[in-house]
Amino acid sequence: MSGAASLRHQLRNAHAVELAREGVPLNVIQRQLGHANLGTTSVYLQGIDTEEIIATVHARRAPMMSATAGLRL
């Protein structure tokens, strides 16, 4: 792999890992990387602490809407 190709691969890998650590679903990461196969995306995430990812997702608050959102008052 050339230097530029290696750098691109490292950047894509770092991006995928950071998204996973933020709790972004694997299928969303797959689409961002342009992979047709989910297995290809999962290769980028080998060696990541899955407990860290699960804890991040569980710690995230669900988005809230006001009680009157979308209502005509």
PDB file of N, CA and C in Angstrom:
ATOM      1  N   MET A   1       0.846  -1.160   0.000  1.00  0.00           N
ATOM      2  CA  MET A   1       0.000   0.000   0.000  1.00  0.00           C
ATOM      3  C   MET A   1       0.902   1.236   0.000  1.00  0.00           C
ATOM      4  N   SER A   2       0.596   2.191  -0.866  1.00  0.00           N
ATOM      5  CA  SER A   2       1.397   3.413  -0.932  1.00  0.00           C
ATOM      6  C   SER A   2       1.159   4.253   0.314  1.00  0.00           C
ATOM      7  N   GLY A   3       1.989   5.258   0.513  1.00  0.00           N
ATOM      8  CA  GLY A   3       1.857   6.137   1.674  1.00  0.00           C
ATOM      9  C   GLY A   3       0.519   6.835   1.725  1.00  0.00           C
ATOM     10  N   ALA A   4       0.061   7.351   0.576  1.00  0.00           N
ATOM     11  CA  ALA A   4      -1.223   8.056   0.536  1.00  0.00           C
ATOM     12  C   ALA A   4      -2.380   7.097   0.789  1.00  0.00           C
ATOM     13  N   ALA A   5      -2.312   5.911   0.214  1.00  0.00           N
ATOM     14  CA  ALA A   5      -3.379   4.929   0.411  1.00  0.00           C
ATOM     15  C   ALA A   5      -3.412   4.468   1.870  1.00  0.00           C
ATOM     16  N   SER A   6      -2.244   4.292   2.450  1.00  0.00           N
ATOM     17  CA  SER A   6      -2.163   3.892   3.848  1.00  0.00           C
ATOM     18  C   SER A   6      -2.750   4.973   4.761  1.00  0.00           C
ATOM     19  N   LEU A   7      -2.456   6.222   4.455  1.00  0.00           N
ATOM     20  CA  LEU A   7      -2.980   7.331   5.242  1.00  0.00           C
ATOM     21  C   LEU A   7      -4.514   7.394   5.139  1.00  0.00           C
ATOM     22  N   ARG A   8      -5.047   7.207   3.922  1.00  0.00           N
ATOM     23  CA  ARG A   8      -6.501   7.196   3.748  1.00  0.00           C
ATOM     24  C   ARG A   8      -7.135   6.072   4.562  1.00  0.00           C
ATOM     25  N   HIS A   9      -6.511   4.894   4.534  1.00  0.00           N
ATOM     26  CA  HIS A   9      -7.036   3.753   5.284  1.00  0.00           C
ATOM     27  C   HIS A   9      -7.014   4.051   6.785  1.00  0.00           C
ATOM     28  N   GLN A  10      -5.933   4.622   7.274  1.00  0.00           N
ATOM     29  CA  GLN A  10      -5.835   4.957   8.699  1.00  0.00           C
ATOM     30  C   GLN A  10      -6.887   5.988   9.097  1.00  0.00           C
ATOM     31  N   LEU A  11      -7.133   6.950   8.231  1.00  0.00           N
ATOM     32  CA  LEU A  11      -8.132   7.969   8.510  1.00  0.00           C
ATOM     33  C   LEU A  11      -9.533   7.365   8.556  1.00  0.00           C
ATOM     34  N   ARG A  12      -9.858   6.513   7.582  1.00  0.00           N
ATOM     35  CA  ARG A  12     -11.168   5.849   7.569  1.00  0.00           C
ATOM     36  C   ARG A  12     -11.336   4.983   8.812  1.00  0.00           C
ATOM     37  N   ASN A  13     -10.270   4.253   9.189  1.00  0.00           N
ATOM     38  CA  ASN A  13     -10.316   3.403  10.360  1.00  0.00           C
ATOM     39  C   ASN A  13     -10.547   4.247  11.614  1.00  0.00           C
ATOM     40  N   ALA A  14      -9.820   5.334  11.768  1.00  0.00           N
ATOM     41  CA  ALA A  14      -9.968   6.199  12.937  1.00  0.00           C
ATOM     42  C   ALA A  14     -11.374   6.784  13.006  1.00  0.00           C
ATOM     43  N   HIS A  15     -11.912   7.159  11.854  1.00  0.00           N
ATOM     44  CA  HIS A  15     -13.259   7.715  11.797  1.00  0.00           C
ATOM     45  C   HIS A  15     -14.282   6.662  12.237  1.00  0.00           C
ATOM     46  N   ALA A  16     -14.156   5.461  11.727  1.00  0.00           N
ATOM     47  CA  ALA A  16     -15.086   4.382  12.074  1.00  0.00           C
ATOM     48  C   ALA A  16     -15.008   4.058  13.563  1.00  0.00           C
ATOM     49  N   VAL A  17     -13.811   4.009  14.097  1.00  0.00           N
ATOM     50  CA  VAL A  17     -13.627   3.704  15.520  1.00  0.00           C
ATOM     51  C   VAL A  17     -14.252   4.802  16.376  1.00  0.00           C
ATOM     52  N   GLU A  18     -14.026   6.043  16.017  1.00  0.00           N
ATOM     53  CA  GLU A  18     -14.585   7.158  16.790  1.00  0.00           C
ATOM     54  C   GLU A  18     -16.107   7.145  16.748  1.00  0.00           C
ATOM     55  N   LEU A  19     -16.682   6.875  15.582  1.00  0.00           N
ATOM     56  CA  LEU A  19     -18.140   6.778  15.481  1.00  0.00           C
ATOM     57  C   LEU A  19     -18.668   5.663  16.377  1.00  0.00           C
ATOM     58  N   ALA A  20     -17.995   4.522  16.355  1.00  0.00           N
ATOM     59  CA  ALA A  20     -18.422   3.389  17.181  1.00  0.00           C
ATOM     60  C   ALA A  20     -18.339   3.740  18.661  1.00  0.00           C
ATOM     61  N   ARG A  21     -17.284   4.418  19.047  1.00  0.00           N
ATOM     62  CA  ARG A  21     -17.130   4.812  20.459  1.00  0.00           C
ATOM     63  C   ARG A  21     -18.185   5.819  20.883  1.00  0.00           C
ATOM     64  N   GLU A  22     -18.717   6.556  19.929  1.00  0.00           N
ATOM     65  CA  GLU A  22     -19.791   7.507  20.226  1.00  0.00           C
ATOM     66  C   GLU A  22     -21.157   6.823  20.230  1.00  0.00           C
ATOM     67  N   GLY A  23     -21.168   5.532  19.918  1.00  0.00           N
ATOM     68  CA  GLY A  23     -22.413   4.781  19.955  1.00  0.00           C
ATOM     69  C   GLY A  23     -23.213   4.814  18.664  1.00  0.00           C
ATOM     70  N   VAL A  24     -22.583   5.229  17.573  1.00  0.00           N
ATOM     71  CA  VAL A  24     -23.278   5.262  16.279  1.00  0.00           C
ATOM     72  C   VAL A  24     -23.514   3.822  15.826  1.00  0.00           C
ATOM     73  N   PRO A  25     -24.717   3.487  15.406  1.00  0.00           N
ATOM     74  CA  PRO A  25     -25.012   2.114  14.970  1.00  0.00           C
ATOM     75  C   PRO A  25     -24.108   1.671  13.818  1.00  0.00           C
ATOM     76  N   LEU A  26     -23.779   0.392  13.821  1.00  0.00           N
ATOM     77  CA  LEU A  26     -22.865  -0.158  12.821  1.00  0.00           C
ATOM     78  C   LEU A  26     -23.375   0.048  11.399  1.00  0.00           C
ATOM     79  N   ASN A  27     -24.698  -0.059  11.184  1.00  0.00           N
ATOM     80  CA  ASN A  27     -25.208   0.120   9.819  1.00  0.00           C
ATOM     81  C   ASN A  27     -25.048   1.569   9.348  1.00  0.00           C
ATOM     82  N   VAL A  28     -25.055   2.525  10.257  1.00  0.00           N
ATOM     83  CA  VAL A  28     -24.825   3.922   9.885  1.00  0.00           C
ATOM     84  C   VAL A  28     -23.358   4.113   9.502  1.00  0.00           C
ATOM     85  N   ILE A  29     -22.460   3.513  10.274  1.00  0.00           N
ATOM     86  CA  ILE A  29     -21.029   3.576   9.948  1.00  0.00           C
ATOM     87  C   ILE A  29     -20.790   2.921   8.590  1.00  0.00           C
ATOM     88  N   GLN A  30     -21.460   1.802   8.351  1.00  0.00           N
ATOM     89  CA  GLN A  30     -21.345   1.099   7.068  1.00  0.00           C
ATOM     90  C   GLN A  30     -21.700   2.027   5.912  1.00  0.00           C
ATOM     91  N   ARG A  31     -22.821   2.739   6.032  1.00  0.00           N
ATOM     92  CA  ARG A  31     -23.236   3.650   4.960  1.00  0.00           C
ATOM     93  C   ARG A  31     -22.238   4.783   4.771  1.00  0.00           C
ATOM     94  N   GLN A  32     -21.726   5.324   5.873  1.00  0.00           N
ATOM     95  CA  GLN A  32     -20.774   6.434   5.759  1.00  0.00           C
ATOM     96  C   GLN A  32     -19.493   6.001   5.065  1.00  0.00           C
ATOM     97  N   LEU A  33     -19.084   4.761   5.311  1.00  0.00           N
ATOM     98  CA  LEU A  33     -17.857   4.267   4.682  1.00  0.00           C
ATOM     99  C   LEU A  33     -18.105   3.736   3.273  1.00  0.00           C
ATOM    100  N   GLY A  34     -19.377   3.576   2.913  1.00  0.00           N
ATOM    101  CA  GLY A  34     -19.705   3.109   1.574  1.00  0.00           C
ATOM    102  C   GLY A  34     -19.511   1.619   1.371  1.00  0.00           C
ATOM    103  N   HIS A  35     -19.620   0.845   2.434  1.00  0.00           N
ATOM    104  CA  HIS A  35     -19.449  -0.600   2.327  1.00  0.00           C
ATOM    105  C   HIS A  35     -20.772  -1.270   1.967  1.00  0.00           C
ATOM    106  N   ALA A  36     -20.725  -2.203   1.032  1.00  0.00           N
ATOM    107  CA  ALA A  36     -21.907  -2.967   0.665  1.00  0.00           C
ATOM    108  C   ALA A  36     -22.173  -4.069   1.687  1.00  0.00           C
ATOM    109  N   ASN A  37     -21.120  -4.561   2.322  1.00  0.00           N
ATOM    110  CA  ASN A  37     -21.218  -5.690   3.236  1.00  0.00           C
ATOM    111  C   ASN A  37     -20.907  -5.221   4.650  1.00  0.00           C
ATOM    112  N   LEU A  38     -21.784  -5.536   5.603  1.00  0.00           N
ATOM    113  CA  LEU A  38     -21.578  -5.147   6.992  1.00  0.00           C
ATOM    114  C   LEU A  38     -20.326  -5.792   7.571  1.00  0.00           C
ATOM    115  N   GLY A  39     -19.976  -6.960   7.064  1.00  0.00           N
ATOM    116  CA  GLY A  39     -18.766  -7.644   7.523  1.00  0.00           C
ATOM    117  C   GLY A  39     -17.507  -6.841   7.237  1.00  0.00           C
ATOM    118  N   THR A  40     -17.507  -6.116   6.122  1.00  0.00           N
ATOM    119  CA  THR A  40     -16.364  -5.270   5.781  1.00  0.00           C
ATOM    120  C   THR A  40     -16.214  -4.168   6.819  1.00  0.00           C
ATOM    121  N   THR A  41     -17.316  -3.585   7.217  1.00  0.00           N
ATOM    122  CA  THR A  41     -17.284  -2.515   8.210  1.00  0.00           C
ATOM    123  C   THR A  41     -16.818  -3.052   9.557  1.00  0.00           C
ATOM    124  N   SER A  42     -17.262  -4.226   9.919  1.00  0.00           N
ATOM    125  CA  SER A  42     -16.909  -4.777  11.229  1.00  0.00           C
ATOM    126  C   SER A  42     -15.405  -5.028  11.352  1.00  0.00           C
ATOM    127  N   VAL A  43     -14.713  -5.238  10.237  1.00  0.00           N
ATOM    128  CA  VAL A  43     -13.260  -5.429  10.272  1.00  0.00           C
ATOM    129  C   VAL A  43     -12.579  -4.185  10.828  1.00  0.00           C
ATOM    130  N   TYR A  44     -13.107  -3.006  10.496  1.00  0.00           N
ATOM    131  CA  TYR A  44     -12.540  -1.757  10.989  1.00  0.00           C
ATOM    132  C   TYR A  44     -12.634  -1.656  12.501  1.00  0.00           C
ATOM    133  N   LEU A  45     -13.576  -2.365  13.089  1.00  0.00           N
ATOM    134  CA  LEU A  45     -13.875  -2.188  14.509  1.00  0.00           C
ATOM    135  C   LEU A  45     -13.341  -3.307  15.390  1.00  0.00           C
ATOM    136  N   GLN A  46     -12.538  -4.184  14.819  1.00  0.00           N
ATOM    137  CA  GLN A  46     -11.957  -5.264  15.619  1.00  0.00           C
ATOM    138  C   GLN A  46     -11.009  -4.669  16.652  1.00  0.00           C
ATOM    139  N   GLY A  47     -11.047  -5.227  17.844  1.00  0.00           N
ATOM    140  CA  GLY A  47     -10.154  -4.771  18.895  1.00  0.00           C
ATOM    141  C   GLY A  47     -10.704  -3.622  19.721  1.00  0.00           C
ATOM    142  N   ILE A  48     -11.904  -3.150  19.400  1.00  0.00           N
ATOM    143  CA  ILE A  48     -12.516  -2.088  20.181  1.00  0.00           C
ATOM    144  C   ILE A  48     -13.206  -2.724  21.385  1.00  0.00           C
ATOM    145  N   ASP A  49     -13.132  -2.057  22.504  1.00  0.00           N
ATOM    146  CA  ASP A  49     -13.775  -2.532  23.723  1.00  0.00           C
ATOM    147  C   ASP A  49     -15.286  -2.372  23.579  1.00  0.00           C
ATOM    148  N   THR A  50     -15.987  -3.468  23.366  1.00  0.00           N
ATOM    149  CA  THR A  50     -17.436  -3.397  23.167  1.00  0.00           C
ATOM    150  C   THR A  50     -18.158  -2.916  24.421  1.00  0.00           C
ATOM    151  N   GLU A  51     -17.614  -3.195  25.586  1.00  0.00           N
ATOM    152  CA  GLU A  51     -18.227  -2.714  26.830  1.00  0.00           C
ATOM    153  C   GLU A  51     -18.217  -1.197  26.872  1.00  0.00           C
ATOM    154  N   GLU A  52     -17.160  -0.577  26.351  1.00  0.00           N
ATOM    155  CA  GLU A  52     -17.079   0.882  26.290  1.00  0.00           C
ATOM    156  C   GLU A  52     -18.189   1.447  25.397  1.00  0.00           C
ATOM    157  N   ILE A  53     -18.399   0.805  24.266  1.00  0.00           N
ATOM    158  CA  ILE A  53     -19.428   1.260  23.331  1.00  0.00           C
ATOM    159  C   ILE A  53     -20.810   1.101  23.954  1.00  0.00           C
ATOM    160  N   ILE A  54     -21.074  -0.042  24.578  1.00  0.00           N
ATOM    161  CA  ILE A  54     -22.368  -0.284  25.206  1.00  0.00           C
ATOM    162  C   ILE A  54     -22.619   0.721  26.323  1.00  0.00           C
ATOM    163  N   ALA A  55     -21.613   1.006  27.131  1.00  0.00           N
ATOM    164  CA  ALA A  55     -21.763   1.985  28.217  1.00  0.00           C
ATOM    165  C   ALA A  55     -22.071   3.369  27.663  1.00  0.00           C
ATOM    166  N   THR A  56     -21.436   3.735  26.552  1.00  0.00           N
ATOM    167  CA  THR A  56     -21.678   5.040  25.933  1.00  0.00           C
ATOM    168  C   THR A  56     -23.125   5.143  25.459  1.00  0.00           C
ATOM    169  N   VAL A  57     -23.612   4.101  24.806  1.00  0.00           N
ATOM    170  CA  VAL A  57     -24.991   4.108  24.302  1.00  0.00           C
ATOM    171  C   VAL A  57     -25.977   4.193  25.464  1.00  0.00           C
ATOM    172  N   HIS A  58     -25.734   3.438  26.521  1.00  0.00           N
ATOM    173  CA  HIS A  58     -26.648   3.438  27.656  1.00  0.00           C
ATOM    174  C   HIS A  58     -26.624   4.758  28.429  1.00  0.00           C
ATOM    175  N   ALA A  59     -25.495   5.447  28.419  1.00  0.00           N
ATOM    176  CA  ALA A  59     -25.381   6.708  29.146  1.00  0.00           C
ATOM    177  C   ALA A  59     -26.024   7.873  28.396  1.00  0.00           C
ATOM    178  N   ARG A  60     -26.271   7.685  27.123  1.00  0.00           N
ATOM    179  CA  ARG A  60     -26.828   8.757  26.299  1.00  0.00           C
ATOM    180  C   ARG A  60     -28.299   8.972  26.631  1.00  0.00           C
ATOM    181  N   ARG A  61     -28.673  10.224  26.784  1.00  0.00           N
ATOM    182  CA  ARG A  61     -30.079  10.551  27.028  1.00  0.00           C
ATOM    183  C   ARG A  61     -30.844  10.487  25.715  1.00  0.00           C
ATOM    184  N   ALA A  62     -32.060  10.030  25.812  1.00  0.00           N
ATOM    185  CA  ALA A  62     -32.914  10.001  24.624  1.00  0.00           C
ATOM    186  C   ALA A  62     -33.305  11.428  24.253  1.00  0.00           C
ATOM    187  N   PRO A  63     -33.385  11.742  22.972  1.00  0.00           N
ATOM    188  CA  PRO A  63     -33.814  13.090  22.571  1.00  0.00           C
ATOM    189  C   PRO A  63     -35.239  13.351  23.048  1.00  0.00           C
ATOM    190  N   MET A  64     -35.467  14.543  23.486  1.00  0.00           N
ATOM    191  CA  MET A  64     -36.785  14.897  24.018  1.00  0.00           C
ATOM    192  C   MET A  64     -37.450  15.929  23.104  1.00  0.00           C
ATOM    193  N   MET A  65     -38.762  15.826  23.011  1.00  0.00           N
ATOM    194  CA  MET A  65     -39.556  16.828  22.298  1.00  0.00           C
ATOM    195  C   MET A  65     -40.482  17.473  23.302  1.00  0.00           C
ATOM    196  N   SER A  66     -40.787  18.719  23.081  1.00  0.00           N
ATOM    197  CA  SER A  66     -41.737  19.350  23.980  1.00  0.00           C
ATOM    198  C   SER A  66     -43.111  18.727  23.775  1.00  0.00           C
ATOM    199  N   ALA A  67     -43.944  18.837  24.783  1.00  0.00           N
ATOM    200  CA  ALA A  67     -45.275  18.242  24.720  1.00  0.00           C
ATOM    201  C   ALA A  67     -46.138  18.854  23.640  1.00  0.00           C
ATOM    202  N   THR A  68     -45.815  20.073  23.228  1.00  0.00           N
ATOM    203  CA  THR A  68     -46.641  20.760  22.226  1.00  0.00           C
ATOM    204  C   THR A  68     -46.003  20.742  20.839  1.00  0.00           C
ATOM    205  N   ALA A  69     -44.927  19.997  20.669  1.00  0.00           N
ATOM    206  CA  ALA A  69     -44.242  19.959  19.376  1.00  0.00           C
ATOM    207  C   ALA A  69     -45.189  19.477  18.290  1.00  0.00           C
ATOM    208  N   GLY A  70     -45.322  20.238  17.227  1.00  0.00           N
ATOM    209  CA  GLY A  70     -46.140  19.854  16.099  1.00  0.00           C
ATOM    210  C   GLY A  70     -47.619  20.125  16.256  1.00  0.00           C
ATOM    211  N   LEU A  71     -47.998  20.686  17.389  1.00  0.00           N
ATOM    212  CA  LEU A  71     -49.419  20.977  17.605  1.00  0.00           C
ATOM    213  C   LEU A  71     -49.691  22.437  17.306  1.00  0.00           C
ATOM    214  N   ARG A  72     -50.829  22.683  16.733  1.00  0.00           N
ATOM    215  CA  ARG A  72     -51.239  24.083  16.522  1.00  0.00           C
ATOM    216  C   ARG A  72     -51.990  24.548  17.758  1.00  0.00           C
ATOM    217  N   LEU A  73     -51.463  25.569  18.362  1.00  0.00           N
ATOM    218  CA  LEU A  73     -52.104  26.077  19.585  1.00  0.00           C
ATOM    219  C   LEU A  73     -52.847  27.347  19.322  1.00  0.00           C
TER     220      LEU A  73
END
